[in-house]
Amino acid sequence: MSAGGIVLPDSASEKPSQGEILAVGPGKLLDTGERTTPDVSVGDKIIFGQYAGNTVKIDGEELLVLSETEIFGVLES
């Protein structure tokens, strides 16, 4: 129940999901033209939001493309 008295069922709350990093881009491009180094690497096990990212199909395999800001945390490196 929220502070205003609205009842939110458990199904309405966002439940995190987990996965494994298969590929990492070169990093975010800053306004200065430099790139930041990604904090994750291939093989990391991560937690991300249920509705995060965009699903794409490549060679019949369904993959999720995420921004690093959509990752809640790294479980294993």
C-alpha atoms as a PDB file:
ATOM      1  CA  MET A   1       0.000   0.000   0.000  1.00  0.00           C
ATOM      2  CA  SER A   2       1.358   3.437  -0.881  1.00  0.00           C
ATOM      3  CA  ALA A   3       1.397   6.438   1.492  1.00  0.00           C
ATOM      4  CA  GLY A   4      -1.713   7.777  -0.266  1.00  0.00           C
ATOM      5  CA  GLY A   5      -3.654   4.572   0.432  1.00  0.00           C
ATOM      6  CA  ILE A   6      -3.352   3.026  -3.052  1.00  0.00           C
ATOM      7  CA  VAL A   7      -2.912  -0.737  -2.984  1.00  0.00           C
ATOM      8  CA  LEU A   8      -0.270  -1.990  -5.407  1.00  0.00           C
ATOM      9  CA  PRO A   9      -0.318  -5.733  -6.102  1.00  0.00           C
ATOM     10  CA  ASP A  10       2.972  -7.628  -6.114  1.00  0.00           C
ATOM     11  CA  SER A  11       2.635  -8.125  -9.874  1.00  0.00           C
ATOM     12  CA  ALA A  12       2.795  -4.329 -10.388  1.00  0.00           C
ATOM     13  CA  SER A  13       6.244  -3.946  -8.865  1.00  0.00           C
ATOM     14  CA  GLU A  14       9.284  -4.243 -11.096  1.00  0.00           C
ATOM     15  CA  LYS A  15      11.155  -7.461 -10.459  1.00  0.00           C
ATOM     16  CA  PRO A  16      14.851  -7.544 -11.390  1.00  0.00           C
ATOM     17  CA  SER A  17      16.142 -10.147 -13.799  1.00  0.00           C
ATOM     18  CA  GLN A  18      19.645 -11.463 -14.262  1.00  0.00           C
ATOM     19  CA  GLY A  19      21.827 -12.432 -17.178  1.00  0.00           C
ATOM     20  CA  GLU A  20      25.335 -12.748 -18.519  1.00  0.00           C
ATOM     21  CA  ILE A  21      27.199 -10.117 -20.536  1.00  0.00           C
ATOM     22  CA  LEU A  22      27.931 -11.482 -24.033  1.00  0.00           C
ATOM     23  CA  ALA A  23      29.469  -8.339 -25.543  1.00  0.00           C
ATOM     24  CA  VAL A  24      30.485  -4.845 -24.424  1.00  0.00           C
ATOM     25  CA  GLY A  25      30.693  -1.691 -26.513  1.00  0.00           C
ATOM     26  CA  PRO A  26      33.606   0.766 -26.508  1.00  0.00           C
ATOM     27  CA  GLY A  27      32.087   2.977 -23.781  1.00  0.00           C
ATOM     28  CA  LYS A  28      29.992   6.128 -23.621  1.00  0.00           C
ATOM     29  CA  LEU A  29      31.102   9.023 -25.816  1.00  0.00           C
ATOM     30  CA  LEU A  30      31.448  12.197 -23.750  1.00  0.00           C
ATOM     31  CA  ASP A  31      30.885  15.769 -24.961  1.00  0.00           C
ATOM     32  CA  THR A  32      34.678  16.217 -25.003  1.00  0.00           C
ATOM     33  CA  GLY A  33      35.037  13.432 -27.584  1.00  0.00           C
ATOM     34  CA  GLU A  34      36.623  11.024 -25.089  1.00  0.00           C
ATOM     35  CA  ARG A  35      35.119   7.650 -24.170  1.00  0.00           C
ATOM     36  CA  THR A  36      34.494   6.304 -20.689  1.00  0.00           C
ATOM     37  CA  THR A  37      35.686   2.811 -19.891  1.00  0.00           C
ATOM     38  CA  PRO A  38      32.769   0.374 -19.290  1.00  0.00           C
ATOM     39  CA  ASP A  39      32.486  -0.959 -15.713  1.00  0.00           C
ATOM     40  CA  VAL A  40      31.352  -4.400 -16.932  1.00  0.00           C
ATOM     41  CA  SER A  41      33.083  -6.983 -19.082  1.00  0.00           C
ATOM     42  CA  VAL A  42      32.167 -10.072 -21.084  1.00  0.00           C
ATOM     43  CA  GLY A  43      31.200 -12.960 -18.806  1.00  0.00           C
ATOM     44  CA  ASP A  44      29.947 -10.809 -15.905  1.00  0.00           C
ATOM     45  CA  LYS A  45      26.675 -11.967 -14.337  1.00  0.00           C
ATOM     46  CA  ILE A  46      24.426  -8.932 -13.788  1.00  0.00           C
ATOM     47  CA  ILE A  47      21.042  -7.890 -12.371  1.00  0.00           C
ATOM     48  CA  PHE A  48      18.833  -5.538 -14.393  1.00  0.00           C
ATOM     49  CA  GLY A  49      15.224  -4.320 -14.315  1.00  0.00           C
ATOM     50  CA  GLN A  50      12.450  -6.426 -15.802  1.00  0.00           C
ATOM     51  CA  TYR A  51      11.584  -3.779 -18.394  1.00  0.00           C
ATOM     52  CA  ALA A  52      15.152  -2.605 -19.113  1.00  0.00           C
ATOM     53  CA  GLY A  53      16.764  -2.630 -22.532  1.00  0.00           C
ATOM     54  CA  ASN A  54      15.529  -3.618 -25.957  1.00  0.00           C
ATOM     55  CA  THR A  55      15.076  -7.180 -27.180  1.00  0.00           C
ATOM     56  CA  VAL A  56      16.600  -8.058 -30.564  1.00  0.00           C
ATOM     57  CA  LYS A  57      16.722 -11.328 -32.499  1.00  0.00           C
ATOM     58  CA  ILE A  58      20.090 -12.235 -34.054  1.00  0.00           C
ATOM     59  CA  ASP A  59      20.522 -15.558 -35.879  1.00  0.00           C
ATOM     60  CA  GLY A  60      17.340 -16.860 -34.217  1.00  0.00           C
ATOM     61  CA  GLU A  61      18.614 -16.057 -30.714  1.00  0.00           C
ATOM     62  CA  GLU A  62      16.759 -13.466 -28.621  1.00  0.00           C
ATOM     63  CA  LEU A  63      19.174 -11.031 -26.957  1.00  0.00           C
ATOM     64  CA  LEU A  64      18.712  -8.018 -24.696  1.00  0.00           C
ATOM     65  CA  VAL A  65      20.626  -4.802 -25.448  1.00  0.00           C
ATOM     66  CA  LEU A  66      21.143  -2.728 -22.295  1.00  0.00           C
ATOM     67  CA  SER A  67      22.714   0.578 -21.450  1.00  0.00           C
ATOM     68  CA  GLU A  68      25.185   0.394 -18.583  1.00  0.00           C
ATOM     69  CA  THR A  69      22.917   2.722 -16.597  1.00  0.00           C
ATOM     70  CA  GLU A  70      20.152   0.068 -16.679  1.00  0.00           C
ATOM     71  CA  ILE A  71      22.325  -2.444 -14.770  1.00  0.00           C
ATOM     72  CA  PHE A  72      21.568  -2.621 -11.036  1.00  0.00           C
ATOM     73  CA  GLY A  73      24.676  -4.587 -10.094  1.00  0.00           C
ATOM     74  CA  VAL A  74      27.264  -7.226 -10.934  1.00  0.00           C
ATOM     75  CA  LEU A  75      26.858 -10.615  -9.207  1.00  0.00           C
ATOM     76  CA  GLU A  76      30.038 -12.276 -10.474  1.00  0.00           C
ATOM     77  CA  SER A  77      32.983 -11.099 -12.549  1.00  0.00           C
END
